[in-house]
């Protein structure tokens, strides 16, 4: 394949480090056009958003009557999930906060979570993952040499949220995902988060332990949850501004920032700040900044200046690397060998991806969607 000549979007800061990016005649990238489409489709702003949210909250309260909790929320200690916790309490909901302890929480994240939930009077369930199993899975993904080694955590978090919803008899799972600040991620950089076949295939090839307790959702589970649960991206129904949310959390709950998106996890900080840019040439700050530019929270010139700086402190990168090597029981030579492996992708391993993209599956979805919509109306 011929390498594309370098080009950067004239609206955001996404560029040809995404191999699938496309530009229109004005130089605006496909991610920005996708952002605009998703805003029109999913965002409900202003008074309309507030009315929608209040009606939704009323429904959640009604369905959760006489139960210990009426919804499940995920909590990582990051700004999005922390702000969601505040909003659900404002709406008079009774959430159970669910946290996945995968062994990489920073001390600051633990403190932020404990302080926030204590002040909000929200119960917390923490699932402590089996470290030896999880370590084996994370190292397997590093050896697979794909740019999506965060998938083991992302998949387990969602699985635990749905499993706790089942256990508590709750229909509503509320997340901090949102269109305004999380829309520019290229699929070439990360995909397969819900694909248990892909995760298992990677581990089968490179792992050495059985995944006896790892929280996961097989394809049947995934479709059962689609039919029986409601996943709600609550921040899409308010005029969400990340900086304002941070300031609110700081003022009201003494919440402290981590210096980067998802840096509440030490592994995420090192993976996004060191491994991804060094091995794959992917700087996730471009994704985060680009969504903020489109949402009006950041100026493009400011983002370009920030991208000239190190992803984070080189001294801290070194400390994080030392910590990772010790925790993974890897030598520097073993880690260097992993970094020098040929780059692979999601499509180089068995997965459900080709099935989901097939005409057969799309036809089934097309035929089933009206039935699904009627079913959802029936169980409401």
Protein backbone atom coordinates (compact mmCIF):
# COMPACT_ATOMS: atom_id res chain seq x y z
CA UNK A 1 0.00 0.00 0.00
CA UNK A 2 1.17 3.50 -0.82
CA UNK A 3 1.45 5.77 2.19
CA UNK A 4 -0.91 8.73 2.07
CA UNK A 5 0.68 12.18 1.90
CA UNK A 6 0.37 13.92 5.25
CA UNK A 7 -2.78 15.96 5.75
CA UNK A 8 -4.43 17.48 8.79
CA UNK A 9 -8.06 18.52 9.13
CA UNK A 10 -8.76 22.23 8.72
CA UNK A 11 -11.40 22.13 11.48
CA UNK A 12 -9.90 19.79 14.11
CA UNK A 13 -6.43 18.24 14.58
CA UNK A 14 -7.06 14.73 13.28
CA UNK A 15 -4.67 13.77 10.52
CA UNK A 16 -3.45 10.93 8.35
CA UNK A 17 -2.08 9.05 11.36
CA UNK A 18 -5.57 7.58 11.02
CA UNK A 19 -5.17 5.43 7.89
CA UNK A 20 -8.91 5.54 7.14
CA UNK A 21 -9.42 9.28 7.44
CA UNK A 22 -11.07 11.12 4.55
CA UNK A 23 -11.24 14.82 3.73
CA UNK A 24 -13.80 16.86 1.82
CA UNK A 25 -12.91 19.60 -0.66
CA UNK A 26 -12.55 22.10 2.19
CA UNK A 27 -10.11 19.85 4.04
CA UNK A 28 -12.59 18.94 6.79
CA UNK A 29 -12.17 15.34 7.94
CA UNK A 30 -14.66 12.48 8.08
CA UNK A 31 -14.50 12.48 11.88
CA UNK A 32 -15.83 16.03 12.03
CA UNK A 33 -18.66 15.14 9.67
CA UNK A 34 -19.36 12.10 11.84
CA UNK A 35 -19.39 14.35 14.90
CA UNK A 36 -21.99 16.63 13.32
CA UNK A 37 -24.16 13.66 12.38
CA UNK A 38 -24.01 12.20 15.89
CA UNK A 39 -24.79 15.54 17.50
CA UNK A 40 -27.92 15.84 15.38
CA UNK A 41 -28.90 12.25 16.15
CA UNK A 42 -28.12 11.88 19.85
CA UNK A 43 -27.79 15.28 21.53
CA UNK A 44 -30.84 16.89 23.11
CA UNK A 45 -29.88 20.33 24.41
CA UNK A 46 -31.34 23.09 26.53
CA UNK A 47 -34.88 22.90 27.89
CA UNK A 48 -35.74 19.98 25.59
CA UNK A 49 -32.85 18.01 27.06
CA UNK A 50 -33.94 18.84 30.59
CA UNK A 51 -37.52 17.73 29.87
CA UNK A 52 -36.24 14.50 28.33
CA UNK A 53 -34.00 13.86 31.32
CA UNK A 54 -36.75 14.51 33.86
CA UNK A 55 -39.15 12.19 32.01
CA UNK A 56 -36.45 9.53 31.86
CA UNK A 57 -35.69 9.93 35.58
CA UNK A 58 -39.37 9.60 36.42
CA UNK A 59 -39.51 6.36 34.45
CA UNK A 60 -36.38 5.01 36.18
CA UNK A 61 -37.75 5.89 39.61
CA UNK A 62 -41.06 4.19 38.81
CA UNK A 63 -39.45 1.00 37.48
CA UNK A 64 -37.07 0.87 40.44
CA UNK A 65 -39.70 1.31 43.12
CA UNK A 66 -39.30 -1.10 46.06
CA UNK A 67 -35.83 -2.14 44.85
CA UNK A 68 -32.58 -1.35 46.61
CA UNK A 69 -31.38 0.62 43.58
CA UNK A 70 -33.06 1.92 40.45
CA UNK A 71 -29.99 2.22 38.22
CA UNK A 72 -26.35 1.23 37.84
CA UNK A 73 -23.64 3.79 37.17
CA UNK A 74 -20.02 3.14 36.31
CA UNK A 75 -17.43 5.08 38.28
CA UNK A 76 -13.75 5.36 37.34
CA UNK A 77 -12.87 8.56 39.18
CA UNK A 78 -12.63 10.45 35.87
CA UNK A 79 -14.54 13.65 35.21
CA UNK A 80 -17.30 12.14 33.04
CA UNK A 81 -18.34 9.31 35.34
CA UNK A 82 -17.95 11.52 38.42
CA UNK A 83 -20.23 14.19 36.94
CA UNK A 84 -22.79 11.53 36.03
CA UNK A 85 -22.86 10.49 39.70
CA UNK A 86 -23.71 14.07 40.63
CA UNK A 87 -26.45 14.35 38.01
CA UNK A 88 -28.23 11.12 38.94
CA UNK A 89 -28.44 12.27 42.54
CA UNK A 90 -29.81 15.64 41.40
CA UNK A 91 -32.49 13.72 39.51
CA UNK A 92 -33.49 11.89 42.66
CA UNK A 93 -32.29 8.49 41.49
CA UNK A 94 -30.90 5.73 43.72
CA UNK A 95 -27.82 4.44 41.92
CA UNK A 96 -25.38 1.71 42.75
CA UNK A 97 -21.92 2.81 41.65
CA UNK A 98 -19.84 0.04 40.09
CA UNK A 99 -16.06 0.22 39.88
CA UNK A 100 -13.60 -2.21 38.32
CA UNK A 101 -10.35 -2.50 40.26
CA UNK A 102 -8.03 -3.92 37.61
CA UNK A 103 -4.89 -3.31 39.63
CA UNK A 104 -3.96 -0.02 37.95
CA UNK A 105 -5.92 2.61 39.90
CA UNK A 106 -3.87 5.62 40.90
CA UNK A 107 -4.03 6.63 44.56
CA UNK A 108 -5.63 9.88 43.45
CA UNK A 109 -8.41 8.01 41.63
CA UNK A 110 -9.19 5.95 44.73
CA UNK A 111 -9.33 9.09 46.85
CA UNK A 112 -11.51 10.95 44.32
CA UNK A 113 -14.00 8.07 44.16
CA UNK A 114 -14.22 7.57 47.91
CA UNK A 115 -14.66 11.29 48.61
CA UNK A 116 -17.25 11.86 45.88
CA UNK A 117 -19.46 8.88 46.73
CA UNK A 118 -19.28 9.55 50.45
CA UNK A 119 -20.48 13.12 49.99
CA UNK A 120 -23.18 12.03 47.54
CA UNK A 121 -24.23 9.11 49.77
CA UNK A 122 -23.96 6.60 46.92
CA UNK A 123 -23.21 2.93 47.61
CA UNK A 124 -20.18 1.48 45.85
CA UNK A 125 -19.56 -2.02 44.55
CA UNK A 126 -15.93 -2.63 43.61
CA UNK A 127 -15.10 -5.69 41.57
CA UNK A 128 -11.49 -6.66 42.25
CA UNK A 129 -10.32 -8.58 39.22
CA UNK A 130 -8.11 -11.65 39.54
CA UNK A 131 -4.71 -10.06 38.97
CA UNK A 132 -2.86 -13.11 37.62
CA UNK A 133 -5.56 -13.76 35.03
CA UNK A 134 -5.81 -10.12 34.07
CA UNK A 135 -2.06 -9.67 33.85
CA UNK A 136 -1.89 -12.66 31.53
CA UNK A 137 -4.61 -11.14 29.34
CA UNK A 138 -3.02 -7.67 29.22
CA UNK A 139 0.37 -9.10 28.28
CA UNK A 140 -1.37 -11.21 25.62
CA UNK A 141 -2.74 -8.04 24.03
CA UNK A 142 0.69 -6.42 24.10
CA UNK A 143 2.13 -9.49 22.36
CA UNK A 144 -0.73 -9.44 19.85
CA UNK A 145 0.74 -6.10 18.76
CA UNK A 146 -2.60 -4.41 18.09
CA UNK A 147 -3.25 -0.79 19.10
CA UNK A 148 -6.11 -1.67 21.43
CA UNK A 149 -4.59 -3.08 24.60
CA UNK A 150 -7.15 -1.21 26.70
CA UNK A 151 -9.87 -3.58 25.52
CA UNK A 152 -9.47 -6.07 28.43
CA UNK A 153 -10.38 -3.29 30.89
CA UNK A 154 -13.11 -1.70 28.76
CA UNK A 155 -14.83 -5.02 28.11
CA UNK A 156 -14.72 -6.09 31.76
CA UNK A 157 -16.12 -2.76 33.00
CA UNK A 158 -19.20 -3.02 30.79
CA UNK A 159 -19.65 -6.70 31.65
CA UNK A 160 -19.59 -5.98 35.38
CA UNK A 161 -22.12 -3.15 35.02
CA UNK A 162 -24.58 -5.39 33.19
CA UNK A 163 -23.98 -8.32 35.53
CA UNK A 164 -24.69 -6.13 38.55
CA UNK A 165 -27.82 -4.81 36.84
CA UNK A 166 -28.96 -8.42 36.49
CA UNK A 167 -28.12 -9.22 40.09
CA UNK A 168 -29.97 -6.19 41.44
CA UNK A 169 -32.94 -6.55 39.10
CA UNK A 170 -32.23 -3.16 37.55
CA UNK A 171 -33.06 -2.26 33.93
CA UNK A 172 -31.05 0.96 33.58
CA UNK A 173 -27.29 1.28 33.16
CA UNK A 174 -26.08 4.90 33.04
CA UNK A 175 -22.68 5.78 31.59
CA UNK A 176 -20.43 8.79 31.23
CA UNK A 177 -19.99 8.23 27.49
CA UNK A 178 -20.97 11.26 25.48
CA UNK A 179 -20.93 12.56 21.92
CA UNK A 180 -19.50 16.01 22.63
CA UNK A 181 -16.13 14.88 23.95
CA UNK A 182 -15.68 11.31 22.63
CA UNK A 183 -16.50 11.17 18.94
CA UNK A 184 -13.25 11.29 16.94
CA UNK A 185 -11.72 7.89 17.78
CA UNK A 186 -10.65 6.04 14.59
CA UNK A 187 -11.66 2.39 14.38
CA UNK A 188 -8.14 1.62 13.14
CA UNK A 189 -6.83 2.77 16.52
CA UNK A 190 -9.21 0.70 18.65
CA UNK A 191 -12.15 -1.62 18.02
CA UNK A 192 -13.56 -4.90 19.25
CA UNK A 193 -14.41 -3.73 22.75
CA UNK A 194 -17.57 -5.85 22.91
CA UNK A 195 -16.13 -8.72 20.86
CA UNK A 196 -15.52 -11.64 23.21
CA UNK A 197 -14.42 -13.87 20.32
CA UNK A 198 -11.60 -11.43 19.53
CA UNK A 199 -10.51 -11.13 23.16
CA UNK A 200 -10.53 -14.89 23.62
CA UNK A 201 -8.65 -15.45 20.34
CA UNK A 202 -5.85 -13.11 21.41
CA UNK A 203 -5.59 -14.78 24.79
CA UNK A 204 -5.75 -18.30 23.33
CA UNK A 205 -2.77 -17.47 21.14
CA UNK A 206 -0.57 -15.63 23.63
CA UNK A 207 -1.86 -16.39 27.12
CA UNK A 208 -0.78 -19.13 29.49
CA UNK A 209 -3.55 -19.14 32.12
CA UNK A 210 -7.25 -19.99 31.87
CA UNK A 211 -9.63 -17.04 32.14
CA UNK A 212 -11.81 -18.59 34.83
CA UNK A 213 -13.12 -15.43 36.48
CA UNK A 214 -12.56 -12.63 33.93
CA UNK A 215 -15.86 -10.68 33.54
CA UNK A 216 -17.03 -10.90 29.95
CA UNK A 217 -20.10 -10.86 27.73
CA UNK A 218 -20.43 -13.55 25.08
CA UNK A 219 -22.45 -12.80 21.96
CA UNK A 220 -25.63 -14.27 23.50
CA UNK A 221 -25.19 -12.14 26.64
CA UNK A 222 -24.66 -9.04 24.55
CA UNK A 223 -27.91 -9.48 22.65
CA UNK A 224 -29.80 -10.39 25.80
CA UNK A 225 -28.68 -7.16 27.42
CA UNK A 226 -29.75 -5.21 24.33
CA UNK A 227 -33.23 -6.67 24.73
CA UNK A 228 -33.59 -6.38 28.51
CA UNK A 229 -31.52 -3.37 29.60
CA UNK A 230 -31.35 0.32 28.78
CA UNK A 231 -27.89 1.83 28.31
CA UNK A 232 -28.18 5.58 28.88
CA UNK A 233 -25.52 8.12 27.91
CA UNK A 234 -26.90 10.73 30.29
CA UNK A 235 -24.45 13.51 29.39
CA UNK A 236 -25.98 13.72 25.91
CA UNK A 237 -29.12 15.22 27.45
CA UNK A 238 -27.47 18.15 29.21
CA UNK A 239 -25.36 21.02 27.90
CA UNK A 240 -22.22 19.20 28.98
CA UNK A 241 -19.00 21.15 29.19
CA UNK A 242 -16.01 19.20 30.45
CA UNK A 243 -14.09 22.13 31.92
CA UNK A 244 -17.16 23.41 33.73
CA UNK A 245 -17.78 19.89 35.04
CA UNK A 246 -14.20 19.70 36.33
CA UNK A 247 -14.54 23.02 38.10
CA UNK A 248 -17.84 21.95 39.67
CA UNK A 249 -16.28 18.73 40.96
CA UNK A 250 -13.30 20.64 42.35
CA UNK A 251 -15.46 23.23 44.08
CA UNK A 252 -18.06 20.87 45.52
CA UNK A 253 -16.11 17.67 46.17
CA UNK A 254 -12.41 18.63 46.28
CA UNK A 255 -11.96 16.47 43.18
CA UNK A 256 -8.46 16.63 41.71
CA UNK A 257 -7.53 16.44 38.02
CA UNK A 258 -5.20 13.77 36.58
CA UNK A 259 -3.62 15.85 33.84
CA UNK A 260 -5.04 13.82 30.94
CA UNK A 261 -8.13 11.96 29.78
CA UNK A 262 -8.37 8.54 31.50
CA UNK A 263 -5.10 9.17 33.35
CA UNK A 264 -6.82 8.03 36.54
CA UNK A 265 -5.46 4.64 35.43
CA UNK A 266 -1.68 4.25 35.55
CA UNK A 267 -1.77 1.70 32.75
CA UNK A 268 -3.90 3.94 30.54
CA UNK A 269 -1.58 6.86 31.15
CA UNK A 270 1.46 4.86 30.08
CA UNK A 271 -0.29 3.08 27.23
CA UNK A 272 -1.77 6.24 25.71
CA UNK A 273 1.17 8.46 26.56
CA UNK A 274 4.04 6.13 25.61
CA UNK A 275 3.21 2.85 23.87
CA UNK A 276 0.63 4.13 21.38
CA UNK A 277 2.62 7.11 20.06
CA UNK A 278 5.99 5.34 20.14
CA UNK A 279 4.97 2.06 18.52
CA UNK A 280 1.97 2.99 16.39
CA UNK A 281 2.30 6.74 15.86
CA UNK A 282 -1.12 7.29 17.44
CA UNK A 283 -1.48 10.27 19.77
CA UNK A 284 -4.86 10.05 21.48
CA UNK A 285 -4.67 13.69 22.46
CA UNK A 286 -5.59 14.39 18.83
CA UNK A 287 -8.84 12.50 19.34
CA UNK A 288 -9.66 14.20 22.64
CA UNK A 289 -8.72 17.68 21.47
CA UNK A 290 -10.63 17.31 18.20
CA UNK A 291 -13.90 16.48 19.95
CA UNK A 292 -13.38 19.46 22.27
CA UNK A 293 -12.70 21.71 19.28
CA UNK A 294 -15.94 20.62 17.62
CA UNK A 295 -17.87 21.11 20.87
CA UNK A 296 -16.50 24.65 21.20
CA UNK A 297 -14.50 23.91 24.35
CA UNK A 298 -11.07 24.28 22.78
CA UNK A 299 -9.49 26.46 20.09
CA UNK A 300 -7.71 24.62 17.30
CA UNK A 301 -4.58 26.79 17.67
CA UNK A 302 -4.41 25.88 21.37
CA UNK A 303 -4.66 22.18 20.51
CA UNK A 304 -1.86 22.44 17.96
CA UNK A 305 0.38 24.07 20.58
CA UNK A 306 -0.44 21.38 23.13
CA UNK A 307 0.45 18.66 20.62
CA UNK A 308 3.97 20.07 20.35
CA UNK A 309 4.52 19.15 24.00
CA UNK A 310 5.33 15.70 25.38
CA UNK A 311 2.30 13.51 26.01
CA UNK A 312 3.27 13.74 29.66
CA UNK A 313 6.42 14.22 31.73
CA UNK A 314 9.37 12.06 30.50
CA UNK A 315 10.38 11.49 34.12
CA UNK A 316 6.90 10.20 34.93
CA UNK A 317 6.97 8.06 31.78
CA UNK A 318 10.17 6.45 33.04
CA UNK A 319 8.65 5.85 36.47
CA UNK A 320 5.53 4.37 34.87
CA UNK A 321 7.63 2.08 32.69
CA UNK A 322 9.59 0.81 35.67
CA UNK A 323 6.34 0.19 37.53
CA UNK A 324 4.78 -1.65 34.55
CA UNK A 325 7.85 -3.88 34.07
CA UNK A 326 7.85 -4.80 37.74
CA UNK A 327 4.10 -5.42 37.85
CA UNK A 328 4.16 -7.49 34.64
CA UNK A 329 7.42 -9.22 35.66
CA UNK A 330 8.98 -8.32 32.32
CA UNK A 331 12.60 -7.44 31.66
CA UNK A 332 13.50 -4.36 29.62
CA UNK A 333 14.62 -6.67 26.82
CA UNK A 334 11.28 -8.49 26.80
CA UNK A 335 9.42 -5.19 26.71
CA UNK A 336 11.63 -3.90 23.88
CA UNK A 337 10.93 -7.09 21.94
CA UNK A 338 7.20 -6.48 22.34
CA UNK A 339 7.59 -2.88 21.20
CA UNK A 340 9.50 -4.05 18.11
CA UNK A 341 6.99 -6.69 17.03
CA UNK A 342 5.34 -6.06 13.63
CA UNK A 343 2.16 -4.04 14.03
CA UNK A 344 -1.08 -5.99 13.72
CA UNK A 345 -4.77 -5.06 13.80
CA UNK A 346 -8.13 -6.32 14.99
CA UNK A 347 -8.64 -7.94 11.60
CA UNK A 348 -5.58 -10.17 12.01
CA UNK A 349 -7.34 -12.26 14.67
CA UNK A 350 -10.58 -14.25 14.78
CA UNK A 351 -13.50 -12.00 15.70
CA UNK A 352 -17.18 -11.34 15.10
CA UNK A 353 -16.27 -8.27 13.06
CA UNK A 354 -16.71 -9.80 9.62
CA UNK A 355 -20.00 -11.39 10.67
CA UNK A 356 -21.32 -8.08 12.00
CA UNK A 357 -20.32 -6.40 8.74
CA UNK A 358 -21.81 -9.12 6.55
CA UNK A 359 -24.90 -8.61 4.42
CA UNK A 360 -26.58 -11.50 6.23
CA UNK A 361 -26.22 -9.91 9.67
CA UNK A 362 -27.21 -6.47 8.38
CA UNK A 363 -30.30 -7.99 6.76
CA UNK A 364 -31.22 -9.70 10.03
CA UNK A 365 -30.81 -6.43 11.90
CA UNK A 366 -32.88 -4.59 9.31
CA UNK A 367 -35.72 -7.11 9.58
CA UNK A 368 -35.48 -7.34 13.36
CA UNK A 369 -35.34 -3.63 14.17
CA UNK A 370 -39.14 -3.02 13.94
CA UNK A 371 -39.77 -6.06 16.16
CA UNK A 372 -37.09 -4.83 18.59
CA UNK A 373 -38.66 -1.35 18.74
CA UNK A 374 -42.08 -2.84 19.47
CA UNK A 375 -40.58 -5.09 22.14
CA UNK A 376 -38.89 -2.15 23.85
CA UNK A 377 -42.17 -0.25 23.86
CA UNK A 378 -43.91 -3.28 25.33
CA UNK A 379 -41.51 -3.71 28.25
CA UNK A 380 -41.38 -0.01 29.08
